[in-house]
Protein backbone atom coordinates (compact mmCIF):
# COMPACT_ATOMS: atom_id res chain seq x y z
CA UNK A 1 -19.07 22.17 -35.76
CA UNK A 2 -19.53 18.44 -36.10
CA UNK A 3 -23.10 17.09 -36.42
CA UNK A 4 -24.18 15.10 -33.35
CA UNK A 5 -23.88 11.70 -34.99
CA UNK A 6 -20.23 12.38 -35.93
CA UNK A 7 -19.25 14.13 -32.74
CA UNK A 8 -16.45 12.65 -30.69
CA UNK A 9 -17.09 11.94 -27.02
CA UNK A 10 -14.64 14.68 -26.07
CA UNK A 11 -16.44 17.22 -28.26
CA UNK A 12 -19.78 16.06 -26.91
CA UNK A 13 -18.67 16.37 -23.30
CA UNK A 14 -17.30 19.81 -24.07
CA UNK A 15 -20.73 20.72 -25.46
CA UNK A 16 -22.25 19.46 -22.21
CA UNK A 17 -19.65 21.42 -20.23
CA UNK A 18 -22.27 23.19 -18.15
CA UNK A 19 -22.95 19.83 -16.47
CA UNK A 20 -20.65 17.65 -14.36
CA UNK A 21 -19.82 15.39 -17.33
CA UNK A 22 -17.52 17.95 -18.85
CA UNK A 23 -15.90 18.52 -15.48
CA UNK A 24 -15.27 14.78 -15.10
CA UNK A 25 -13.44 14.70 -18.41
CA UNK A 26 -11.59 17.88 -17.48
CA UNK A 27 -10.37 16.21 -14.30
CA UNK A 28 -8.93 13.38 -16.35
CA UNK A 29 -6.99 15.79 -18.52
CA UNK A 30 -6.24 18.27 -15.73
CA UNK A 31 -5.61 16.65 -12.33
CA UNK A 32 -6.00 19.98 -10.56
CA UNK A 33 -9.78 19.74 -10.91
CA UNK A 34 -11.68 16.83 -9.34
CA UNK A 35 -14.71 14.98 -10.60
CA UNK A 36 -17.16 17.24 -8.80
CA UNK A 37 -15.68 20.37 -10.28
CA UNK A 38 -14.06 21.39 -7.01
CA UNK A 39 -10.40 22.41 -7.20
CA UNK A 40 -8.31 19.54 -5.95
CA UNK A 41 -4.87 20.15 -4.43
CA UNK A 42 -2.67 21.38 -7.27
CA UNK A 43 0.12 18.97 -6.52
CA UNK A 44 2.23 19.16 -3.42
CA UNK A 45 1.81 21.79 -0.69
CA UNK A 46 5.57 22.07 -0.40
CA UNK A 47 8.67 20.53 -1.93
CA UNK A 48 8.27 16.72 -1.68
CA UNK A 49 11.00 14.32 -0.69
CA UNK A 50 9.18 11.44 -2.43
CA UNK A 51 7.27 11.25 -5.70
CA UNK A 52 5.78 7.81 -5.19
CA UNK A 53 5.06 5.09 -2.60
CA UNK A 54 5.36 1.31 -2.77
CA UNK A 55 3.33 -0.25 0.03
CA UNK A 56 4.23 -3.80 1.00
CA UNK A 57 1.30 -4.77 3.15
CA UNK A 58 1.89 -7.87 5.25
CA UNK A 59 -1.56 -9.24 6.02
CA UNK A 60 -1.91 -11.05 9.30
CA UNK A 61 0.56 -9.13 11.46
CA UNK A 62 4.29 -10.03 11.31
CA UNK A 63 5.94 -10.93 14.59
CA UNK A 64 8.09 -7.95 15.61
CA UNK A 65 10.00 -9.91 18.22
CA UNK A 66 11.03 -12.48 15.61
CA UNK A 67 11.99 -9.96 12.91
CA UNK A 68 12.76 -6.35 13.84
CA UNK A 69 12.71 -5.86 17.63
CA UNK A 70 15.30 -8.03 19.42
CA UNK A 71 14.46 -8.86 23.03
CA UNK A 72 17.21 -10.82 24.80
CA UNK A 73 15.23 -10.99 28.04
CA UNK A 74 12.31 -12.55 26.24
CA UNK A 75 14.50 -15.37 25.05
CA UNK A 76 16.29 -15.64 28.42
CA UNK A 77 13.01 -16.15 30.27
CA UNK A 78 11.42 -18.32 27.61
CA UNK A 79 8.68 -20.52 29.09
CA UNK A 80 8.20 -18.52 32.24
CA UNK A 81 5.26 -16.35 33.28
CA UNK A 82 5.60 -12.71 32.19
CA UNK A 83 6.37 -10.20 34.94
CA UNK A 84 3.48 -8.11 36.24
CA UNK A 85 4.48 -4.97 34.37
CA UNK A 86 3.95 -6.71 31.01
CA UNK A 87 1.28 -9.19 32.07
CA UNK A 88 -1.40 -10.00 29.53
CA UNK A 89 -4.43 -7.93 30.54
CA UNK A 90 -6.72 -10.10 28.45
CA UNK A 91 -5.46 -13.44 29.81
CA UNK A 92 -4.74 -14.74 26.30
CA UNK A 93 -1.16 -15.80 27.01
CA UNK A 94 0.59 -17.32 30.03
CA UNK A 95 4.20 -18.08 29.13
CA UNK A 96 6.86 -15.98 27.45
CA UNK A 97 8.05 -17.38 24.12
CA UNK A 98 11.46 -16.30 22.94
CA UNK A 99 12.56 -16.39 19.33
CA UNK A 100 14.73 -19.17 17.91
CA UNK A 101 16.11 -16.74 15.34
CA UNK A 102 19.31 -14.87 15.95
CA UNK A 103 19.56 -11.10 15.50
CA UNK A 104 22.68 -9.45 14.13
CA UNK A 105 23.81 -5.88 13.52
CA UNK A 106 23.80 -5.01 9.83
CA UNK A 107 25.41 -2.33 7.66
CA UNK A 108 27.52 0.49 8.93
CA UNK A 109 24.72 1.61 11.21
CA UNK A 110 24.51 -1.72 13.03
CA UNK A 111 20.71 -1.79 12.79
CA UNK A 112 19.60 -5.21 13.97
CA UNK A 113 17.64 -7.64 11.81
CA UNK A 114 16.63 -11.26 12.28
CA UNK A 115 18.69 -13.87 10.48
CA UNK A 116 15.64 -14.93 8.48
CA UNK A 117 15.81 -11.62 6.56
CA UNK A 118 19.19 -11.97 4.82
CA UNK A 119 18.26 -9.84 1.79
CA UNK A 120 16.33 -6.96 3.35
CA UNK A 121 18.98 -6.65 6.07
CA UNK A 122 21.56 -5.84 3.38
CA UNK A 123 19.81 -2.48 3.13
CA UNK A 124 19.96 -1.65 6.84
CA UNK A 125 21.56 1.72 6.16
CA UNK A 126 18.60 2.74 3.98
CA UNK A 127 15.91 1.53 6.40
CA UNK A 128 14.29 3.19 9.40
CA UNK A 129 12.47 0.74 11.68
CA UNK A 130 9.65 2.17 13.79
CA UNK A 131 9.60 -0.12 16.85
CA UNK A 132 6.94 1.75 18.79
CA UNK A 133 3.81 1.40 16.69
CA UNK A 134 0.50 0.75 18.40
CA UNK A 135 -3.05 0.45 17.07
CA UNK A 136 -6.62 0.44 18.40
CA UNK A 137 -8.03 -2.98 17.70
CA UNK A 138 -6.89 -6.57 17.93
CA UNK A 139 -9.24 -7.94 15.20
CA UNK A 140 -7.82 -8.20 11.72
CA UNK A 141 -10.41 -6.19 9.78
CA UNK A 142 -10.63 -3.29 12.17
CA UNK A 143 -6.85 -3.16 12.46
CA UNK A 144 -6.54 -3.25 8.65
CA UNK A 145 -8.98 -0.38 8.33
CA UNK A 146 -6.86 1.54 10.83
CA UNK A 147 -3.64 0.79 8.92
CA UNK A 148 -5.08 1.54 5.51
CA UNK A 149 -7.59 4.34 6.18
CA UNK A 150 -6.67 5.84 9.52
CA UNK A 151 -9.70 4.74 11.55
CA UNK A 152 -11.32 1.48 12.69
CA UNK A 153 -14.36 2.28 10.56
CA UNK A 154 -15.18 0.55 7.28
CA UNK A 155 -15.67 2.48 4.07
CA UNK A 156 -13.08 5.25 4.38
CA UNK A 157 -10.53 6.14 1.67
CA UNK A 158 -7.20 4.32 1.79
CA UNK A 159 -3.80 5.95 2.01
CA UNK A 160 -3.30 5.22 -1.70
CA UNK A 161 -6.56 6.96 -2.60
CA UNK A 162 -5.64 10.01 -0.53
CA UNK A 163 -2.29 10.13 -2.33
CA UNK A 164 -3.96 9.93 -5.75
CA UNK A 165 -6.42 12.67 -4.75
CA UNK A 166 -3.75 14.90 -3.30
CA UNK A 167 -1.20 14.64 -6.08
CA UNK A 168 -3.17 13.56 -9.13
CA UNK A 169 -1.59 11.45 -11.85
CA UNK A 170 1.95 12.03 -13.04
CA UNK A 171 1.08 10.30 -16.29
CA UNK A 172 -2.19 10.29 -18.24
CA UNK A 173 -1.64 6.80 -19.60
CA UNK A 174 -1.48 4.87 -16.33
CA UNK A 175 -3.54 5.17 -13.11
CA UNK A 176 -2.23 7.17 -10.19
CA UNK A 177 -2.96 4.26 -7.79
CA UNK A 178 -2.41 0.58 -8.67
CA UNK A 179 -3.14 -2.48 -6.54
CA UNK A 180 -1.27 -5.75 -7.09
CA UNK A 181 -3.25 -8.55 -5.35
CA UNK A 182 -1.99 -12.08 -4.96
CA UNK A 183 -3.19 -14.39 -7.75
CA UNK A 184 -3.28 -17.16 -5.11
CA UNK A 185 -6.34 -15.63 -3.46
CA UNK A 186 -7.92 -12.51 -2.07
CA UNK A 187 -6.45 -10.76 0.92
CA UNK A 188 -8.48 -10.28 4.08
CA UNK A 189 -10.85 -7.34 3.53
CA UNK A 190 -10.55 -7.71 -0.25
CA UNK A 191 -11.12 -4.70 -2.44
CA UNK A 192 -11.47 -2.36 0.55
CA UNK A 193 -7.66 -2.51 0.76
CA UNK A 194 -7.53 -0.18 -2.24
CA UNK A 195 -10.90 1.57 -1.98
CA UNK A 196 -11.43 5.30 -2.43
CA UNK A 197 -14.27 5.21 0.12
CA UNK A 198 -16.31 8.38 -0.22
CA UNK A 199 -13.67 10.10 -2.34
CA UNK A 200 -14.64 10.10 -6.04
CA UNK A 201 -14.19 6.63 -7.54
CA UNK A 202 -11.49 7.83 -9.88
CA UNK A 203 -9.06 7.75 -6.93
CA UNK A 204 -9.52 4.08 -6.07
CA UNK A 205 -6.75 1.60 -6.89
CA UNK A 206 -6.78 -0.02 -10.33
CA UNK A 207 -6.09 -3.75 -10.09
CA UNK A 208 -3.23 -5.05 -12.24
CA UNK A 209 -2.68 -8.79 -12.48
CA UNK A 210 0.64 -10.59 -12.49
CA UNK A 211 -0.66 -13.37 -14.74
CA UNK A 212 -2.35 -13.11 -18.13
CA UNK A 213 -3.59 -9.74 -19.31
CA UNK A 214 -2.43 -7.13 -16.78
CA UNK A 215 -5.83 -5.43 -16.74
CA UNK A 216 -9.05 -7.34 -17.33
CA UNK A 217 -11.04 -6.47 -20.45
CA UNK A 218 -8.39 -4.07 -21.72
CA UNK A 219 -7.99 -6.03 -24.95
CA UNK A 220 -10.78 -7.75 -26.92
CA UNK A 221 -10.84 -11.52 -26.81
CA UNK A 222 -11.33 -11.68 -30.59
CA UNK A 223 -9.62 -9.13 -32.87
CA UNK A 224 -11.95 -7.49 -35.41
CA UNK A 225 -11.52 -5.29 -38.48
CA UNK A 226 -10.71 -1.67 -37.77
CA UNK A 227 -13.87 -0.46 -39.47
CA UNK A 228 -16.03 -2.49 -37.09
CA UNK A 229 -14.07 -1.22 -34.07
CA UNK A 230 -14.55 2.37 -35.22
CA UNK A 231 -18.27 1.92 -35.83
CA UNK A 232 -18.68 0.32 -32.40
CA UNK A 233 -16.76 3.17 -30.79
CA UNK A 234 -18.95 5.80 -32.50
CA UNK A 235 -22.10 4.06 -31.31
CA UNK A 236 -20.79 3.80 -27.73
CA UNK A 237 -19.87 7.48 -27.80
CA UNK A 238 -23.39 8.48 -28.76
CA UNK A 239 -24.96 6.19 -26.15
CA UNK A 240 -22.61 7.43 -23.44
CA UNK A 241 -23.30 11.07 -24.30
CA UNK A 242 -27.06 10.66 -24.14
CA UNK A 243 -26.88 8.58 -20.94
CA UNK A 244 -24.63 11.12 -19.22
CA UNK A 245 -26.67 14.13 -20.35
CA UNK A 246 -29.73 12.65 -18.67
CA UNK A 247 -27.87 12.01 -15.39
CA UNK A 248 -25.73 15.04 -14.49
CA UNK A 249 -23.71 14.92 -11.28
CA UNK A 250 -23.44 11.13 -10.89
CA UNK A 251 -19.86 10.52 -9.70
CA UNK A 252 -19.91 6.79 -10.45
CA UNK A 253 -20.92 7.45 -14.05
CA UNK A 254 -18.39 10.23 -14.42
CA UNK A 255 -15.67 7.96 -13.04
CA UNK A 256 -16.69 5.25 -15.49
CA UNK A 257 -16.32 7.65 -18.41
CA UNK A 258 -12.91 8.66 -17.10
CA UNK A 259 -12.04 4.99 -16.91
CA UNK A 260 -12.99 4.47 -20.54
CA UNK A 261 -10.67 7.30 -21.56
CA UNK A 262 -7.86 5.93 -19.40
CA UNK A 263 -8.40 2.38 -20.67
CA UNK A 264 -7.83 3.51 -24.24
CA UNK A 265 -4.49 5.04 -23.30
CA UNK A 266 -3.59 2.04 -21.12
CA UNK A 267 -3.87 -0.46 -23.97
CA UNK A 268 -0.29 0.31 -24.89
CA UNK A 269 1.11 1.73 -21.68
CA UNK A 270 0.01 -1.03 -19.31
CA UNK A 271 1.08 -3.81 -21.65
CA UNK A 272 4.51 -2.25 -21.98
CA UNK A 273 4.85 -1.48 -18.29
CA UNK A 274 4.19 -5.03 -17.24
CA UNK A 275 6.13 -6.83 -19.98
CA UNK A 276 8.78 -8.36 -17.71
CA UNK A 277 10.48 -10.04 -20.66
CA UNK A 278 12.12 -6.65 -21.25
CA UNK A 279 14.10 -7.16 -18.04
CA UNK A 280 17.50 -8.83 -18.09
CA UNK A 281 17.94 -12.41 -16.89
CA UNK A 282 20.06 -11.06 -14.05
CA UNK A 283 17.25 -8.78 -12.85
CA UNK A 284 14.63 -11.53 -13.07
CA UNK A 285 16.84 -13.89 -11.07
CA UNK A 286 17.55 -11.16 -8.50
CA UNK A 287 13.81 -10.86 -7.83
CA UNK A 288 13.52 -14.67 -7.55
CA UNK A 289 11.44 -15.22 -10.70
CA UNK A 290 13.34 -18.47 -11.32
CA UNK A 291 12.18 -19.97 -7.97
CA UNK A 292 8.60 -21.04 -7.33
CA UNK A 293 8.86 -19.91 -3.70
CA UNK A 294 9.65 -16.31 -4.59
CA UNK A 295 8.27 -16.09 -8.14
CA UNK A 296 4.84 -14.66 -7.33
CA UNK A 297 5.88 -11.98 -4.87
CA UNK A 298 8.99 -11.25 -6.88
CA UNK A 299 6.91 -10.69 -9.99
CA UNK A 300 4.75 -8.15 -8.19
CA UNK A 301 7.77 -6.36 -6.72
CA UNK A 302 9.26 -6.07 -10.19
CA UNK A 303 5.91 -4.88 -11.56
CA UNK A 304 5.84 -2.22 -8.83
CA UNK A 305 9.24 -0.90 -9.83
CA UNK A 306 8.23 -0.72 -13.51
CA UNK A 307 4.99 1.09 -12.66
CA UNK A 308 6.71 3.63 -10.37
CA UNK A 309 9.32 4.16 -13.07
CA UNK A 310 6.52 5.12 -15.49
CA UNK A 311 4.81 7.64 -13.25
CA UNK A 312 2.36 5.70 -11.06
CA UNK A 313 2.11 7.46 -7.71
CA UNK A 314 1.13 4.63 -5.36
CA UNK A 315 1.47 0.87 -5.74
CA UNK A 316 0.18 -1.56 -3.06
CA UNK A 317 1.22 -5.21 -2.94
CA UNK A 318 -0.89 -7.75 -1.09
CA UNK A 319 -0.68 -11.39 -0.03
CA UNK A 320 -3.46 -13.98 -0.20
CA UNK A 321 -5.40 -14.43 3.04
CA UNK A 322 -3.29 -13.41 6.05
CA UNK A 323 -0.15 -15.55 5.97
CA UNK A 324 1.56 -13.73 8.87
CA UNK A 325 -1.30 -14.74 11.22
CA UNK A 326 0.79 -17.31 13.09
CA UNK A 327 -1.58 -18.60 15.79
CA UNK A 328 0.08 -22.00 15.50
CA UNK A 329 3.63 -22.93 14.62
CA UNK A 330 4.78 -19.34 14.69
CA UNK A 331 8.40 -20.12 13.96
CA UNK A 332 7.78 -22.07 10.79
CA UNK A 333 5.02 -19.73 9.62
CA UNK A 334 7.14 -16.63 10.05
CA UNK A 335 10.11 -18.24 8.37
CA UNK A 336 7.91 -19.36 5.44
CA UNK A 337 6.62 -15.80 4.91
CA UNK A 338 10.21 -14.52 4.89
CA UNK A 339 11.24 -17.17 2.36
CA UNK A 340 8.46 -15.91 0.05
CA UNK A 341 9.07 -12.17 0.46
CA UNK A 342 12.54 -11.32 1.78
CA UNK A 343 14.48 -11.90 -1.43
CA UNK A 344 11.99 -10.01 -3.65
CA UNK A 345 11.82 -7.08 -1.25
CA UNK A 346 15.61 -6.95 -1.00
CA UNK A 347 15.78 -7.01 -4.81
CA UNK A 348 13.26 -4.17 -5.01
CA UNK A 349 15.40 -1.99 -2.75
CA UNK A 350 18.56 -2.91 -4.71
CA UNK A 351 16.87 -2.23 -8.04
CA UNK A 352 15.37 1.09 -7.01
CA UNK A 353 18.72 2.24 -5.65
CA UNK A 354 20.80 1.29 -8.66
CA UNK A 355 18.33 3.00 -10.98
CA UNK A 356 18.35 6.20 -8.96
CA UNK A 357 14.73 5.74 -7.89
CA UNK A 358 15.07 5.01 -4.17
CA UNK A 359 15.62 8.67 -3.26
CA UNK A 360 12.25 9.57 -4.76
CA UNK A 361 10.32 6.35 -3.90
CA UNK A 362 9.13 5.68 -0.36
CA UNK A 363 8.91 1.96 0.49
CA UNK A 364 6.61 1.05 3.39
CA UNK A 365 6.64 -2.46 4.94
CA UNK A 366 4.34 -3.68 7.67
CA UNK A 367 1.04 -5.25 8.70
CA UNK A 368 -1.99 -4.31 10.75
CA UNK A 369 -0.35 -5.25 14.11
CA UNK A 370 2.32 -7.49 15.60
CA UNK A 371 2.28 -10.79 17.53
CA UNK A 372 2.29 -11.50 21.27
CA UNK A 373 5.67 -11.99 22.96
CA UNK A 374 4.13 -14.91 24.83
CA UNK A 375 2.72 -18.19 23.61
CA UNK A 376 -0.95 -18.12 22.75
CA UNK A 377 -3.31 -20.16 24.91
CA UNK A 378 -5.09 -22.92 23.00
CA UNK A 379 -7.47 -25.26 24.83
CA UNK A 380 -6.05 -24.03 28.15
CA UNK A 381 -2.48 -24.81 27.15
CA UNK A 382 0.33 -22.66 25.81
CA UNK A 383 0.67 -23.50 22.12
CA UNK A 384 3.52 -22.78 19.73
CA UNK A 385 1.86 -19.78 18.14
CA UNK A 386 1.53 -16.06 18.80
CA UNK A 387 -1.73 -14.13 19.04
CA UNK A 388 -2.70 -10.70 17.62
CA UNK A 389 -0.81 -7.87 19.32
CA UNK A 390 -1.88 -4.22 18.88
CA UNK A 391 0.01 -2.72 21.87
CA UNK A 392 3.50 -2.56 20.38
CA UNK A 393 4.89 -3.66 17.03
CA UNK A 394 7.22 -2.65 14.19
CA UNK A 395 7.08 -1.34 10.64
CA UNK A 396 9.86 -0.03 8.46
CA UNK A 397 10.34 2.63 5.80
CA UNK A 398 13.09 3.20 3.25
CA UNK A 399 13.93 5.72 0.53
CA UNK A 400 11.87 8.79 -0.31
CA UNK A 401 13.56 11.13 2.17
CA UNK A 402 13.93 8.64 5.03
CA UNK A 403 17.09 8.69 7.17
CA UNK A 404 18.08 5.06 7.14
CA UNK A 405 20.18 3.07 9.54
CA UNK A 406 18.06 3.82 12.60
CA UNK A 407 15.29 2.54 14.79
CA UNK A 408 12.71 4.91 16.22
CA UNK A 409 10.96 4.35 19.52
CA UNK A 410 10.98 1.20 21.63
CA UNK A 411 8.81 -1.39 23.30
CA UNK A 412 9.48 -2.65 26.82
CA UNK A 413 12.07 -5.33 27.61
CA UNK A 414 9.72 -8.11 26.51
CA UNK A 415 8.22 -6.43 23.41
CA UNK A 416 4.77 -6.11 24.93
CA UNK A 417 3.97 -2.38 24.95
CA UNK A 418 5.32 0.59 23.03
CA UNK A 419 6.89 2.75 25.75
CA UNK A 420 9.26 5.18 24.03
CA UNK A 421 8.14 7.60 21.27
CA UNK A 422 4.79 5.82 21.05
CA UNK A 423 3.65 6.04 17.43
CA UNK A 424 0.04 5.79 16.38
CA UNK A 425 -1.07 5.08 12.82
CA UNK A 426 -1.99 8.73 12.27
CA UNK A 427 1.61 9.77 12.99
CA UNK A 428 2.87 7.34 10.36
CA UNK A 429 0.29 8.55 7.83
CA UNK A 430 1.09 12.20 8.54
CA UNK A 431 4.78 11.46 7.91
CA UNK A 432 4.13 9.65 4.64
CA UNK A 433 1.98 12.51 3.37
CA UNK A 434 4.64 15.00 4.49
CA UNK A 435 7.31 13.17 2.51
CA UNK A 436 5.02 13.41 -0.53
CA UNK A 437 4.76 17.15 -0.01
CA UNK A 438 1.22 17.06 1.43
CA UNK A 439 0.03 18.58 4.69
CA UNK A 440 -2.14 16.06 6.53
CA UNK A 441 -4.13 18.87 8.16
CA UNK A 442 -5.09 20.61 4.93
CA UNK A 443 -5.60 17.56 2.69
CA UNK A 444 -9.38 17.31 3.19
CA UNK A 445 -12.59 16.24 1.50
CA UNK A 446 -15.99 17.58 2.49
CA UNK A 447 -18.20 14.64 3.41
CA UNK A 448 -21.33 14.40 5.50
CA UNK A 449 -21.15 18.04 6.52
CA UNK A 450 -17.52 18.13 7.65
CA UNK A 451 -14.01 18.23 6.22
CA UNK A 452 -12.60 14.72 6.52
CA UNK A 453 -8.88 13.96 6.69
CA UNK A 454 -6.76 10.82 6.58
CA UNK A 455 -5.51 11.59 10.08
CA UNK A 456 -8.94 12.97 11.05
CA UNK A 457 -9.66 13.10 14.82
CA UNK A 458 -6.11 12.33 15.88
CA UNK A 459 -3.55 14.91 16.95
CA UNK A 460 -0.98 13.45 14.57
CA UNK A 461 2.50 14.75 14.17
CA UNK A 462 5.16 14.22 11.55
CA UNK A 463 7.99 11.98 12.72
CA UNK A 464 10.75 14.46 11.96
CA UNK A 465 13.41 12.11 13.36
CA UNK A 466 12.83 9.74 10.45
CA UNK A 467 13.46 12.37 7.78
CA UNK A 468 16.90 12.84 6.28
């Protein structure tokens, strides 16, 4: 047996195996055991349709009536007061505001998309649009919490964290859950968009950057001789071992140790995964990397494909601020967002499909709510913007077991309320977990004296009609 001063961290943690430190390391090497030593779900509950998820979160709330939910009557009665059956209960809007964008049937299915989505609409036959979403709050943060964590309460685990917890990592050299924030600025609600909440910290999203080193502090700023690196590593091992031995059962510390182990493996894997120079010129152009308008979002879409290809379970893409929040100049704002994202998202779907990855990768597009069908009131006058709208809006899914070429549910004739197959966030989450082979009712974590779930207090049901 090695003397203490020559002992590797792995050997030391094995020696301390009676404490939680050894269990934390074991969870890193064996995803079927979590950081607290409790058996985590050993993979899927049943045969999955999808192995991974790419979440394209559209902060601010995209306008469903301008993009995915055509309403001829809304345009016909543009500028008039809404009828009583769809009147604004909160007196925020007075006049209906139609869309200037034409809708057209696309693909063999004839699924309708707005003209300002020329690239995504090419994949109509692979996409299922849910037109009957509704949520519980009209404020951004609470609605984001609902979309990401299943409730309008801060501090809960995100969908990505639940996926990482439920399925574990498919590779031991990259994280199970990766977040790709916008280098242009933080999204509304910041790091909580990829938080693990009260799940062990090992399940939170790992931030990868599109510019510079993909992961901060992964590589030293100044290279040093190997002998110095080895001596430093031995010293850190000894300090870590002593520190951990004195503090058994601390999840944050255990997660940090797991991160150190993962970081060592990521030095090569992450650098390779995010080296976009390995892609052909044709692929880079397809994602819009040669155009400043699409370069940033296109880069992250391409990064997402490369990460999924290498075994990452869940990748979330975010936009700076909340660009879809079109309180003023809705038409130009919505068009601008499409110019930035439509080509990259279309390229992502094309690329996944031609590489044989779309069947096993679920792509989810949508924001925290939609926009009002009527013009927002500003200073007592109807402006040219749309307000927040939680009562009826659209999201779409593609790949990963989804039956494309269809829309599910409906809003009323003016796009105000979801009226047919009303779909709450919990239903969407239950369906996503189901496609991953996870039962939303049995995927639980004991917290504060009760078994918590992603779908929690809601009587959620899987949207079977969406599944191929």
